[in-house]
Protein backbone atom coordinates (compact mmCIF):
# COMPACT_ATOMS: atom_id res chain seq x y z
CA MET A 1 79.03 83.39 -33.56
CA ILE A 2 77.21 80.62 -35.39
CA ASN A 3 77.60 76.96 -34.39
CA ASP A 4 80.56 77.95 -32.20
CA LYS A 5 82.27 79.59 -35.18
CA LYS A 6 83.46 83.16 -34.71
CA ILE A 7 82.87 85.85 -37.33
CA LEU A 8 84.93 88.95 -38.03
CA ALA A 9 83.30 91.70 -40.12
CA ILE A 10 85.44 94.31 -41.86
CA ILE A 11 84.24 97.63 -43.28
CA PRO A 12 86.87 98.96 -45.71
CA ALA A 13 86.66 102.73 -46.18
CA ARG A 14 89.54 104.64 -47.71
CA GLY A 15 89.55 108.41 -47.79
CA GLY A 16 90.15 108.84 -51.51
CA SER A 17 87.42 108.50 -54.12
CA LYS A 18 87.41 109.83 -57.66
CA GLY A 19 83.76 109.26 -58.56
CA VAL A 20 82.30 110.87 -55.44
CA LEU A 21 84.74 112.92 -53.38
CA ARG A 22 84.96 111.91 -49.70
CA LYS A 23 82.22 109.42 -50.48
CA ASN A 24 82.32 107.45 -47.25
CA LEU A 25 81.65 110.59 -45.19
CA ARG A 26 78.96 112.11 -47.41
CA SER A 27 75.59 112.62 -45.80
CA VAL A 28 72.95 110.09 -46.84
CA ALA A 29 69.50 110.56 -45.28
CA GLY A 30 71.04 112.52 -42.43
CA LYS A 31 73.98 110.24 -41.59
CA PRO A 32 77.49 109.73 -42.96
CA LEU A 33 77.38 107.00 -45.59
CA ILE A 34 79.60 104.72 -43.52
CA ALA A 35 77.18 104.86 -40.58
CA TRP A 36 74.51 102.85 -42.39
CA SER A 37 76.77 99.79 -42.73
CA ILE A 38 78.08 100.10 -39.17
CA GLU A 39 74.60 100.27 -37.67
CA GLU A 40 73.26 97.27 -39.61
CA ALA A 41 76.34 95.16 -38.85
CA LYS A 42 76.06 95.95 -35.14
CA LYS A 43 72.51 94.53 -35.16
CA SER A 44 73.75 91.13 -36.38
CA LYS A 45 73.23 88.20 -34.04
CA TYR A 46 76.23 86.38 -35.51
CA ILE A 47 79.02 88.94 -36.00
CA ASP A 48 81.47 88.72 -33.07
CA HIS A 49 83.71 91.66 -33.91
CA LEU A 50 83.16 94.58 -36.29
CA ILE A 51 86.17 96.62 -37.36
CA LEU A 52 87.02 99.43 -39.75
CA SER A 53 90.00 99.45 -42.12
CA THR A 54 91.04 102.91 -43.28
CA GLU A 55 94.01 105.23 -43.60
CA ASP A 56 91.86 108.33 -43.03
CA THR A 57 91.72 110.01 -39.60
CA GLU A 58 88.34 111.68 -40.21
CA ILE A 59 86.76 108.36 -41.21
CA ILE A 60 88.26 106.77 -38.08
CA THR A 61 86.68 109.45 -35.86
CA THR A 62 83.29 109.08 -37.55
CA ALA A 63 83.33 105.28 -37.37
CA GLU A 64 84.21 105.36 -33.67
CA GLU A 65 81.35 107.79 -33.03
CA TYR A 66 79.00 105.11 -34.40
CA GLY A 67 80.54 102.37 -32.27
CA CYS A 68 82.86 100.67 -34.74
CA ASP A 69 86.23 99.40 -33.52
CA VAL A 70 89.35 100.69 -35.31
CA PRO A 71 92.21 98.51 -34.05
CA PHE A 72 94.81 99.73 -36.58
CA VAL A 73 95.44 102.32 -39.30
CA ARG A 74 95.68 100.98 -42.82
CA PRO A 75 98.99 101.77 -44.59
CA ILE A 76 98.73 104.38 -47.34
CA HIS A 77 100.01 101.95 -49.97
CA LEU A 78 96.93 99.79 -49.30
CA ALA A 79 94.56 102.71 -49.91
CA GLU A 80 95.43 103.64 -53.49
CA ASP A 81 93.05 103.67 -56.48
CA ASP A 82 94.61 100.49 -57.85
CA THR A 83 94.80 98.59 -54.54
CA PRO A 84 93.11 95.18 -54.98
CA GLY A 85 89.95 94.87 -52.90
CA ILE A 86 91.26 91.77 -51.14
CA ALA A 87 94.43 93.53 -49.90
CA PRO A 88 92.83 95.41 -46.95
CA VAL A 89 91.10 92.19 -45.86
CA LEU A 90 94.32 90.18 -45.79
CA HIS A 91 96.06 93.07 -44.03
CA ALA A 92 93.34 93.17 -41.37
CA LEU A 93 93.60 89.44 -40.77
CA GLU A 94 97.30 89.86 -40.01
CA HIS A 95 96.37 92.19 -37.14
CA MET A 96 93.43 90.30 -35.67
CA PRO A 97 93.13 87.08 -33.64
CA ALA A 98 91.81 83.95 -35.32
CA PHE A 99 88.22 83.93 -36.60
CA ASP A 100 86.45 81.11 -38.45
CA TYR A 101 84.74 83.41 -40.94
CA VAL A 102 85.63 86.83 -42.29
CA MET A 103 82.97 89.08 -43.78
CA LEU A 104 83.52 92.16 -45.95
CA LEU A 105 80.83 94.86 -45.82
CA GLN A 106 81.49 97.71 -48.21
CA PRO A 107 80.17 101.06 -46.92
CA THR A 108 78.93 101.93 -50.42
CA SER A 109 75.97 99.55 -49.94
CA PRO A 110 73.80 101.46 -47.45
CA LEU A 111 70.56 99.68 -48.37
CA ARG A 112 71.76 96.22 -47.32
CA SER A 113 69.96 95.12 -44.14
CA VAL A 114 70.93 93.09 -41.09
CA LEU A 115 68.50 90.44 -42.38
CA ASP A 116 70.64 90.16 -45.52
CA ILE A 117 73.79 89.89 -43.42
CA ASP A 118 72.47 87.20 -41.10
CA LEU A 119 70.75 85.16 -43.82
CA CYS A 120 73.98 85.13 -45.83
CA ILE A 121 75.89 83.85 -42.79
CA GLU A 122 73.27 81.16 -42.17
CA ARG A 123 73.27 79.96 -45.77
CA CYS A 124 77.05 79.84 -45.84
CA GLU A 125 77.17 77.75 -42.67
CA GLU A 126 74.25 75.47 -43.64
CA ASN A 127 75.90 74.66 -46.98
CA ASN A 128 79.42 74.46 -45.55
CA ALA A 129 80.39 76.93 -48.27
CA VAL A 130 83.98 78.13 -48.45
CA SER A 131 82.70 81.53 -49.54
CA SER A 132 79.54 83.40 -50.48
CA VAL A 133 78.89 86.71 -52.22
CA SER A 134 75.74 88.76 -52.69
CA VAL A 135 74.24 89.16 -56.15
CA ASN A 136 71.07 90.54 -57.68
CA ILE A 137 69.21 89.96 -60.92
CA SER A 138 70.68 92.32 -63.48
CA GLY A 139 68.37 94.84 -65.09
CA LYS A 140 70.45 94.73 -68.27
CA SER A 141 70.81 91.47 -70.13
CA PRO A 142 74.13 90.67 -71.84
CA PHE A 143 72.06 88.97 -74.54
CA TRP A 144 71.15 92.46 -75.72
CA MET A 145 74.66 93.91 -75.48
CA TYR A 146 77.02 94.65 -78.36
CA THR A 147 80.47 95.92 -79.10
CA LEU A 148 81.08 98.16 -82.11
CA ASP A 149 83.51 96.82 -84.69
CA HIS A 150 84.17 99.18 -87.62
CA ASN A 151 80.64 100.62 -87.32
CA LYS A 152 79.11 97.16 -87.10
CA MET A 153 77.34 95.73 -84.08
CA LYS A 154 78.92 92.59 -82.69
CA PRO A 155 77.01 90.63 -80.00
CA VAL A 156 78.85 90.24 -76.71
CA ILE A 157 77.32 86.77 -76.45
CA ASN A 158 77.16 84.86 -79.69
CA GLN A 159 73.78 83.21 -80.10
CA VAL A 160 72.27 81.57 -83.18
CA GLU A 161 68.95 83.05 -82.18
CA ILE A 162 68.18 85.53 -79.44
CA SER A 163 64.62 86.13 -78.39
CA SER A 164 63.40 89.69 -78.89
CA ARG A 165 61.16 89.30 -75.85
CA ARG A 166 62.76 90.22 -72.53
CA GLN A 167 60.52 87.73 -70.73
CA ASN A 168 62.03 84.84 -72.69
CA LEU A 169 65.64 85.64 -71.85
CA PRO A 170 67.34 83.74 -69.01
CA ASP A 171 67.93 85.61 -65.76
CA VAL A 172 71.49 86.84 -65.29
CA TYR A 173 73.01 87.96 -62.01
CA GLU A 174 75.57 90.61 -61.12
CA LEU A 175 77.78 91.17 -58.10
CA ASN A 176 76.41 94.04 -56.04
CA GLY A 177 79.27 94.42 -53.56
CA ALA A 178 77.01 94.36 -50.48
CA ILE A 179 78.26 91.18 -48.76
CA TYR A 180 81.31 88.95 -49.08
CA ILE A 181 82.04 86.14 -46.62
CA ALA A 182 84.52 83.27 -46.55
CA GLN A 183 86.10 80.73 -44.28
CA THR A 184 89.17 82.57 -43.04
CA GLU A 185 91.81 79.92 -43.68
CA TRP A 186 90.42 79.29 -47.16
CA LEU A 187 90.45 83.03 -47.96
CA ILE A 188 94.06 83.45 -46.83
CA GLU A 189 95.08 80.55 -49.05
CA ASN A 190 93.06 81.57 -52.13
CA ARG A 191 93.22 85.38 -51.72
CA THR A 192 89.76 85.90 -53.25
CA PHE A 193 86.11 85.60 -52.29
CA LEU A 194 85.22 84.48 -55.82
CA HIS A 195 85.76 80.87 -56.82
CA ASN A 196 83.88 78.17 -58.69
CA GLU A 197 82.77 76.94 -55.25
CA THR A 198 81.41 80.33 -54.19
CA LEU A 199 77.78 80.26 -53.05
CA PRO A 200 75.60 83.04 -54.51
CA PHE A 201 73.36 84.94 -52.11
CA VAL A 202 70.56 86.77 -53.92
CA ILE A 203 69.48 90.18 -52.63
CA PRO A 204 66.57 92.13 -54.16
CA LYS A 205 67.54 94.95 -56.47
CA GLU A 206 66.03 97.54 -54.12
CA ARG A 207 68.68 96.68 -51.50
CA SER A 208 71.55 96.25 -53.94
CA TYR A 209 72.60 99.78 -54.85
CA ASP A 210 76.37 100.28 -54.83
CA ILE A 211 77.19 103.98 -54.64
CA ASP A 212 79.69 104.92 -57.32
CA THR A 213 78.30 108.21 -58.66
CA GLU A 214 76.52 111.32 -57.41
CA GLU A 215 73.34 109.92 -58.96
CA ASP A 216 73.69 106.70 -56.92
CA LEU A 217 74.15 108.82 -53.80
CA LEU A 218 70.97 110.78 -54.52
CA ILE A 219 68.94 107.63 -55.20
CA CYS A 220 70.04 105.97 -51.95
CA ASP A 221 69.37 109.18 -50.02
CA LEU A 222 65.82 109.32 -51.36
CA ILE A 223 65.17 105.61 -50.68
CA LEU A 224 66.43 105.80 -47.11
CA ARG A 225 64.49 109.00 -46.40
CA HIS A 226 61.35 107.34 -47.74
CA ARG A 227 61.92 104.30 -45.52
CA GLY A 228 62.32 106.62 -42.54
CA ILE A 229 58.86 108.15 -42.96
CA GLN A 230 56.98 104.91 -43.62
């Protein structure tokens, strides 16, 4: 709770995954991937209730072992490859009592810390923001990106003159999927965390990995193992 406002945090974790099979249960630095998000969320001084949304019985068992509440089973039709990311959130809100804020914590972001979670909540409340999402500075600038058109390079962003020096290019930011938060009533009405009023919350690149491939899984495993021996 922050300023008498209650916060619900949801970890969405379906069983299917094409890029990395059974991704949410894969071992990362000695724990199931999903455990890293559960443990950090449970450290938060603001989150009032942490729940899991999944259709998968094995994920339910694992989440409960790490102390995450599973108050319902997500319907199969809300766990397909093409299910919009907002759908499990809206479904969860239908089954939960009223909360002032709802936060989405994807289990594929194991490097996100409780400090990130709590600072995002604080910034959202201090700015009376309807929503906030985590971003990081992109390592690849769109000013150097092209499409190919009949064997010719066409800039993605049309510029009269683009500096050839990376240091002179403006910073650009990308969604990293680690944290989404919104005022609950606003989210139900708008059905998205992203809006022209959305407040960006910048997280360093080293805590912004979003596991989508086997390579991502290996990198996060190595980072977390290194942290554990420091």
